N, C-alpha and C. Protein backbone atom coordinates (compact mmCIF):
# COMPACT_ATOMS: atom_id res chain seq x y z
N MET A 1 -0.14 14.04 -28.27
CA MET A 1 0.70 14.34 -27.12
C MET A 1 0.03 13.82 -25.85
N SER A 2 0.76 13.13 -25.04
CA SER A 2 0.23 12.54 -23.82
C SER A 2 0.20 13.56 -22.69
N SER A 3 -0.83 13.43 -21.83
CA SER A 3 -0.90 14.31 -20.67
C SER A 3 -0.44 13.60 -19.40
N GLU A 4 0.23 12.49 -19.56
CA GLU A 4 0.73 11.71 -18.43
C GLU A 4 1.73 12.53 -17.62
N ARG A 5 1.50 12.64 -16.31
CA ARG A 5 2.37 13.43 -15.45
C ARG A 5 3.07 12.59 -14.40
N ARG A 6 2.82 11.31 -14.37
CA ARG A 6 3.41 10.47 -13.32
C ARG A 6 4.90 10.29 -13.55
N SER A 7 5.64 10.29 -12.44
CA SER A 7 7.08 10.10 -12.53
C SER A 7 7.48 8.66 -12.27
N SER A 8 6.53 7.82 -11.92
CA SER A 8 6.84 6.40 -11.70
C SER A 8 5.64 5.56 -12.12
N GLY A 9 5.89 4.26 -12.23
CA GLY A 9 4.82 3.35 -12.61
C GLY A 9 3.76 3.25 -11.54
N ARG A 10 2.61 2.79 -11.94
CA ARG A 10 1.52 2.60 -10.99
C ARG A 10 0.97 1.20 -11.21
N ARG A 11 0.22 0.70 -10.24
CA ARG A 11 -0.36 -0.61 -10.41
C ARG A 11 -1.75 -0.65 -9.79
N ALA A 12 -2.64 -1.38 -10.46
CA ALA A 12 -3.97 -1.61 -9.92
C ALA A 12 -3.86 -2.69 -8.87
N LEU A 13 -4.75 -2.67 -7.90
CA LEU A 13 -4.67 -3.70 -6.88
C LEU A 13 -6.00 -3.93 -6.20
N GLU A 14 -6.07 -5.08 -5.60
CA GLU A 14 -7.21 -5.45 -4.77
C GLU A 14 -6.69 -5.57 -3.35
N LEU A 15 -7.35 -4.90 -2.43
CA LEU A 15 -6.89 -4.93 -1.04
C LEU A 15 -7.12 -6.30 -0.43
N PRO A 16 -6.23 -6.73 0.45
CA PRO A 16 -6.40 -8.02 1.12
C PRO A 16 -7.67 -8.03 1.98
N ALA A 17 -8.30 -9.19 2.08
CA ALA A 17 -9.46 -9.33 2.96
C ALA A 17 -9.05 -8.94 4.38
N GLY A 18 -9.90 -8.21 5.05
CA GLY A 18 -9.61 -7.80 6.42
C GLY A 18 -8.86 -6.49 6.52
N SER A 19 -8.45 -5.93 5.39
CA SER A 19 -7.75 -4.64 5.43
C SER A 19 -8.78 -3.52 5.31
N GLY A 20 -8.37 -2.32 5.63
CA GLY A 20 -9.26 -1.18 5.52
C GLY A 20 -8.53 0.05 5.04
N LEU A 21 -9.20 0.80 4.17
CA LEU A 21 -8.65 2.06 3.68
C LEU A 21 -9.70 3.13 3.93
N ALA A 22 -9.38 4.11 4.74
CA ALA A 22 -10.30 5.19 5.07
C ALA A 22 -9.79 6.49 4.45
N LEU A 23 -10.71 7.24 3.86
CA LEU A 23 -10.40 8.52 3.23
C LEU A 23 -11.20 9.60 3.93
N TYR A 24 -10.53 10.71 4.24
CA TYR A 24 -11.19 11.83 4.90
C TYR A 24 -10.91 13.12 4.13
N SER A 25 -11.97 13.89 3.94
CA SER A 25 -11.88 15.20 3.31
C SER A 25 -12.60 16.18 4.23
N ASN A 26 -11.93 17.23 4.65
CA ASN A 26 -12.51 18.18 5.61
C ASN A 26 -13.02 17.47 6.86
N ASN A 27 -12.26 16.49 7.33
CA ASN A 27 -12.59 15.69 8.51
C ASN A 27 -13.87 14.87 8.36
N GLN A 28 -14.36 14.73 7.14
CA GLN A 28 -15.55 13.92 6.87
C GLN A 28 -15.13 12.65 6.15
N PRO A 29 -15.65 11.48 6.58
CA PRO A 29 -15.30 10.24 5.89
C PRO A 29 -15.91 10.16 4.50
N ILE A 30 -15.14 9.65 3.56
CA ILE A 30 -15.58 9.41 2.19
C ILE A 30 -15.45 7.91 1.95
N ASN A 31 -16.51 7.28 1.48
CA ASN A 31 -16.49 5.84 1.25
C ASN A 31 -15.65 5.50 0.02
N VAL A 32 -14.61 4.70 0.21
CA VAL A 32 -13.76 4.24 -0.90
C VAL A 32 -14.40 2.99 -1.49
N LEU A 33 -14.76 3.05 -2.77
CA LEU A 33 -15.37 1.92 -3.45
C LEU A 33 -14.34 0.99 -4.06
N GLU A 34 -13.26 1.59 -4.58
CA GLU A 34 -12.23 0.78 -5.25
C GLU A 34 -10.92 1.56 -5.33
N VAL A 35 -9.83 0.83 -5.22
CA VAL A 35 -8.50 1.41 -5.47
C VAL A 35 -8.20 1.16 -6.94
N LEU A 36 -8.08 2.23 -7.72
CA LEU A 36 -7.85 2.11 -9.16
C LEU A 36 -6.38 1.86 -9.47
N ASP A 37 -5.51 2.61 -8.83
CA ASP A 37 -4.07 2.43 -9.02
C ASP A 37 -3.33 3.10 -7.87
N LEU A 38 -2.06 2.72 -7.76
CA LEU A 38 -1.27 3.17 -6.63
C LEU A 38 0.19 3.26 -7.03
N SER A 39 0.87 4.29 -6.55
CA SER A 39 2.32 4.41 -6.66
C SER A 39 2.80 5.04 -5.36
N PRO A 40 4.10 5.11 -5.13
CA PRO A 40 4.57 5.79 -3.92
C PRO A 40 4.30 7.30 -3.92
N PHE A 41 3.82 7.82 -5.04
CA PHE A 41 3.59 9.26 -5.16
C PHE A 41 2.12 9.64 -5.21
N GLY A 42 1.24 8.66 -5.46
CA GLY A 42 -0.17 8.99 -5.57
C GLY A 42 -1.05 7.76 -5.62
N ILE A 43 -2.35 8.01 -5.57
CA ILE A 43 -3.33 6.93 -5.58
C ILE A 43 -4.57 7.39 -6.34
N GLY A 44 -5.13 6.49 -7.12
CA GLY A 44 -6.39 6.74 -7.81
C GLY A 44 -7.48 5.92 -7.15
N LEU A 45 -8.60 6.56 -6.86
CA LEU A 45 -9.68 5.90 -6.14
C LEU A 45 -11.03 6.13 -6.80
N GLU A 46 -11.95 5.19 -6.62
CA GLU A 46 -13.37 5.40 -6.88
C GLU A 46 -14.02 5.61 -5.53
N VAL A 47 -14.80 6.68 -5.42
CA VAL A 47 -15.44 7.03 -4.15
C VAL A 47 -16.91 7.35 -4.41
N ASP A 48 -17.70 7.46 -3.33
CA ASP A 48 -19.13 7.69 -3.49
C ASP A 48 -19.55 9.15 -3.32
N SER A 49 -18.60 10.06 -3.13
CA SER A 49 -18.89 11.48 -2.95
C SER A 49 -17.91 12.31 -3.76
N ARG A 50 -18.39 13.45 -4.22
CA ARG A 50 -17.52 14.35 -4.97
C ARG A 50 -16.49 14.99 -4.04
N ILE A 51 -15.25 15.04 -4.51
CA ILE A 51 -14.19 15.76 -3.80
C ILE A 51 -13.59 16.72 -4.83
N GLU A 52 -13.55 17.97 -4.50
CA GLU A 52 -13.07 18.99 -5.43
C GLU A 52 -11.56 18.93 -5.61
N THR A 53 -11.12 19.23 -6.82
CA THR A 53 -9.70 19.35 -7.11
C THR A 53 -9.10 20.41 -6.20
N GLY A 54 -7.93 20.12 -5.65
CA GLY A 54 -7.26 21.04 -4.73
C GLY A 54 -7.54 20.76 -3.27
N CYS A 55 -8.52 19.92 -3.00
CA CYS A 55 -8.88 19.60 -1.62
C CYS A 55 -7.79 18.75 -0.97
N ARG A 56 -7.46 19.05 0.28
CA ARG A 56 -6.51 18.26 1.06
C ARG A 56 -7.26 17.09 1.68
N VAL A 57 -6.65 15.91 1.64
CA VAL A 57 -7.28 14.70 2.17
C VAL A 57 -6.28 13.92 3.02
N SER A 58 -6.80 13.01 3.82
CA SER A 58 -5.94 12.06 4.54
C SER A 58 -6.44 10.66 4.26
N LEU A 59 -5.51 9.73 4.20
CA LEU A 59 -5.79 8.31 3.96
C LEU A 59 -5.21 7.51 5.12
N SER A 60 -6.01 6.59 5.64
CA SER A 60 -5.54 5.69 6.70
C SER A 60 -5.71 4.27 6.22
N TYR A 61 -4.64 3.49 6.31
CA TYR A 61 -4.66 2.09 5.90
C TYR A 61 -4.39 1.22 7.11
N HIS A 62 -5.21 0.18 7.27
CA HIS A 62 -5.04 -0.76 8.38
C HIS A 62 -5.09 -2.18 7.85
N TYR A 63 -4.12 -2.98 8.27
CA TYR A 63 -4.12 -4.41 7.96
C TYR A 63 -3.29 -5.13 9.00
N THR A 64 -3.89 -6.07 9.67
CA THR A 64 -3.29 -6.82 10.78
C THR A 64 -2.60 -5.86 11.76
N THR A 65 -1.29 -5.84 11.80
CA THR A 65 -0.58 -4.96 12.75
C THR A 65 -0.08 -3.67 12.11
N THR A 66 -0.48 -3.40 10.88
CA THR A 66 -0.02 -2.22 10.15
C THR A 66 -1.06 -1.11 10.19
N ASP A 67 -0.66 0.07 10.61
CA ASP A 67 -1.50 1.27 10.58
C ASP A 67 -0.66 2.40 10.00
N ILE A 68 -1.11 2.95 8.87
CA ILE A 68 -0.36 4.01 8.20
C ILE A 68 -1.32 5.13 7.83
N GLU A 69 -0.95 6.36 8.11
CA GLU A 69 -1.74 7.52 7.69
C GLU A 69 -0.87 8.43 6.85
N VAL A 70 -1.38 8.81 5.68
CA VAL A 70 -0.68 9.74 4.79
C VAL A 70 -1.65 10.85 4.40
N HIS A 71 -1.10 11.90 3.81
CA HIS A 71 -1.89 13.06 3.42
C HIS A 71 -1.58 13.41 1.97
N GLY A 72 -2.54 14.03 1.32
CA GLY A 72 -2.33 14.40 -0.07
C GLY A 72 -3.31 15.45 -0.53
N THR A 73 -3.23 15.74 -1.82
CA THR A 73 -4.08 16.74 -2.47
C THR A 73 -4.74 16.11 -3.68
N VAL A 74 -6.04 16.35 -3.84
CA VAL A 74 -6.76 15.86 -5.01
C VAL A 74 -6.30 16.68 -6.22
N VAL A 75 -5.73 16.00 -7.22
CA VAL A 75 -5.22 16.70 -8.40
C VAL A 75 -6.14 16.55 -9.60
N TRP A 76 -7.05 15.59 -9.56
CA TRP A 76 -8.10 15.50 -10.57
C TRP A 76 -9.30 14.79 -9.98
N SER A 77 -10.46 15.10 -10.52
CA SER A 77 -11.70 14.51 -10.03
C SER A 77 -12.70 14.47 -11.17
N SER A 78 -13.41 13.35 -11.30
CA SER A 78 -14.45 13.25 -12.32
C SER A 78 -15.58 12.39 -11.80
N GLY A 79 -16.76 12.62 -12.29
CA GLY A 79 -17.92 11.84 -11.87
C GLY A 79 -18.49 11.05 -13.02
N ARG A 80 -19.17 9.97 -12.67
CA ARG A 80 -19.86 9.19 -13.69
C ARG A 80 -21.04 8.49 -13.04
N SER A 81 -22.08 8.26 -13.82
CA SER A 81 -23.25 7.54 -13.34
C SER A 81 -23.80 6.73 -14.50
N GLU A 82 -23.98 5.46 -14.26
CA GLU A 82 -24.50 4.56 -15.30
C GLU A 82 -25.82 3.97 -14.81
N ASP A 83 -26.87 4.79 -14.79
CA ASP A 83 -28.19 4.37 -14.32
C ASP A 83 -28.15 3.78 -12.93
N GLY A 84 -27.27 4.27 -12.11
CA GLY A 84 -27.16 3.79 -10.74
C GLY A 84 -26.66 4.92 -9.87
N PRO A 85 -26.16 4.56 -8.72
CA PRO A 85 -25.64 5.60 -7.83
C PRO A 85 -24.43 6.30 -8.45
N ALA A 86 -24.26 7.54 -8.08
CA ALA A 86 -23.13 8.31 -8.60
C ALA A 86 -21.82 7.73 -8.08
N VAL A 87 -20.84 7.69 -8.96
CA VAL A 87 -19.51 7.22 -8.61
C VAL A 87 -18.53 8.29 -9.08
N PHE A 88 -17.56 8.59 -8.25
CA PHE A 88 -16.58 9.61 -8.58
C PHE A 88 -15.19 9.00 -8.56
N ARG A 89 -14.35 9.45 -9.46
CA ARG A 89 -12.96 9.02 -9.51
C ARG A 89 -12.09 10.20 -9.14
N VAL A 90 -11.08 9.93 -8.31
CA VAL A 90 -10.17 10.99 -7.89
C VAL A 90 -8.74 10.51 -7.99
N GLY A 91 -7.86 11.44 -8.31
CA GLY A 91 -6.43 11.20 -8.27
C GLY A 91 -5.84 12.04 -7.17
N ILE A 92 -5.10 11.40 -6.29
CA ILE A 92 -4.54 12.08 -5.12
C ILE A 92 -3.02 12.03 -5.19
N TYR A 93 -2.41 13.20 -5.14
CA TYR A 93 -0.95 13.31 -5.08
C TYR A 93 -0.56 13.33 -3.62
N LEU A 94 0.27 12.37 -3.21
CA LEU A 94 0.66 12.26 -1.81
C LEU A 94 1.75 13.26 -1.46
N GLN A 95 1.70 13.79 -0.25
CA GLN A 95 2.65 14.82 0.20
C GLN A 95 4.08 14.34 0.10
N GLU A 96 4.91 15.14 -0.54
CA GLU A 96 6.32 14.79 -0.71
C GLU A 96 7.07 14.70 0.61
N ASP A 97 6.71 15.53 1.58
CA ASP A 97 7.44 15.52 2.85
C ASP A 97 7.11 14.31 3.72
N GLU A 98 6.22 13.45 3.24
CA GLU A 98 5.91 12.19 3.92
C GLU A 98 6.34 11.00 3.06
N SER A 99 7.39 11.18 2.26
CA SER A 99 7.76 10.15 1.28
C SER A 99 8.04 8.80 1.92
N ALA A 100 8.64 8.76 3.11
CA ALA A 100 8.89 7.47 3.76
C ALA A 100 7.58 6.76 4.09
N LEU A 101 6.59 7.51 4.57
CA LEU A 101 5.27 6.93 4.84
C LEU A 101 4.57 6.52 3.55
N ASN A 102 4.74 7.31 2.50
CA ASN A 102 4.12 6.98 1.21
C ASN A 102 4.66 5.65 0.68
N VAL A 103 5.96 5.45 0.79
CA VAL A 103 6.58 4.19 0.35
C VAL A 103 6.10 3.05 1.24
N GLU A 104 6.01 3.30 2.54
CA GLU A 104 5.51 2.28 3.46
C GLU A 104 4.07 1.88 3.10
N LEU A 105 3.24 2.87 2.77
CA LEU A 105 1.87 2.59 2.34
C LEU A 105 1.86 1.75 1.08
N PHE A 106 2.64 2.15 0.09
CA PHE A 106 2.73 1.41 -1.18
C PHE A 106 3.14 -0.04 -0.92
N ASN A 107 4.20 -0.23 -0.14
CA ASN A 107 4.68 -1.58 0.15
C ASN A 107 3.65 -2.41 0.90
N ALA A 108 2.97 -1.80 1.87
CA ALA A 108 1.97 -2.53 2.66
C ALA A 108 0.77 -2.92 1.80
N MET A 109 0.33 -2.02 0.92
CA MET A 109 -0.86 -2.29 0.12
C MET A 109 -0.59 -3.25 -1.03
N THR A 110 0.66 -3.37 -1.45
CA THR A 110 0.98 -4.25 -2.58
C THR A 110 1.62 -5.56 -2.16
N ALA A 111 1.90 -5.74 -0.87
CA ALA A 111 2.51 -6.99 -0.38
C ALA A 111 1.51 -8.13 -0.50
N ARG A 112 2.01 -9.26 -0.88
CA ARG A 112 1.15 -10.46 -0.96
C ARG A 112 1.82 -11.61 -0.31
């Protein structure tokens, strides 16, 4: 039995050169190492600090003339270390009441 809870497809992506994605938890910046996947409803990230499940976060995306800020909740978190610095993976469910901004973020981050 699958534990998949997503209601829509997701896609892995590489951010365009010159773009920026900032993550904040408790008003503290968290370094985003990689975007694992993205949908209009959520985002999976690799980060350099642990973020607890249930924590509220904000994401800010900037590219050329685009600035978008969305908010969400960490719904899963796991850590891993392979003889190097600790790396954490988090899944963030984006706030439903910001769905227009969430779609705008998805479109901006996936446009080529």
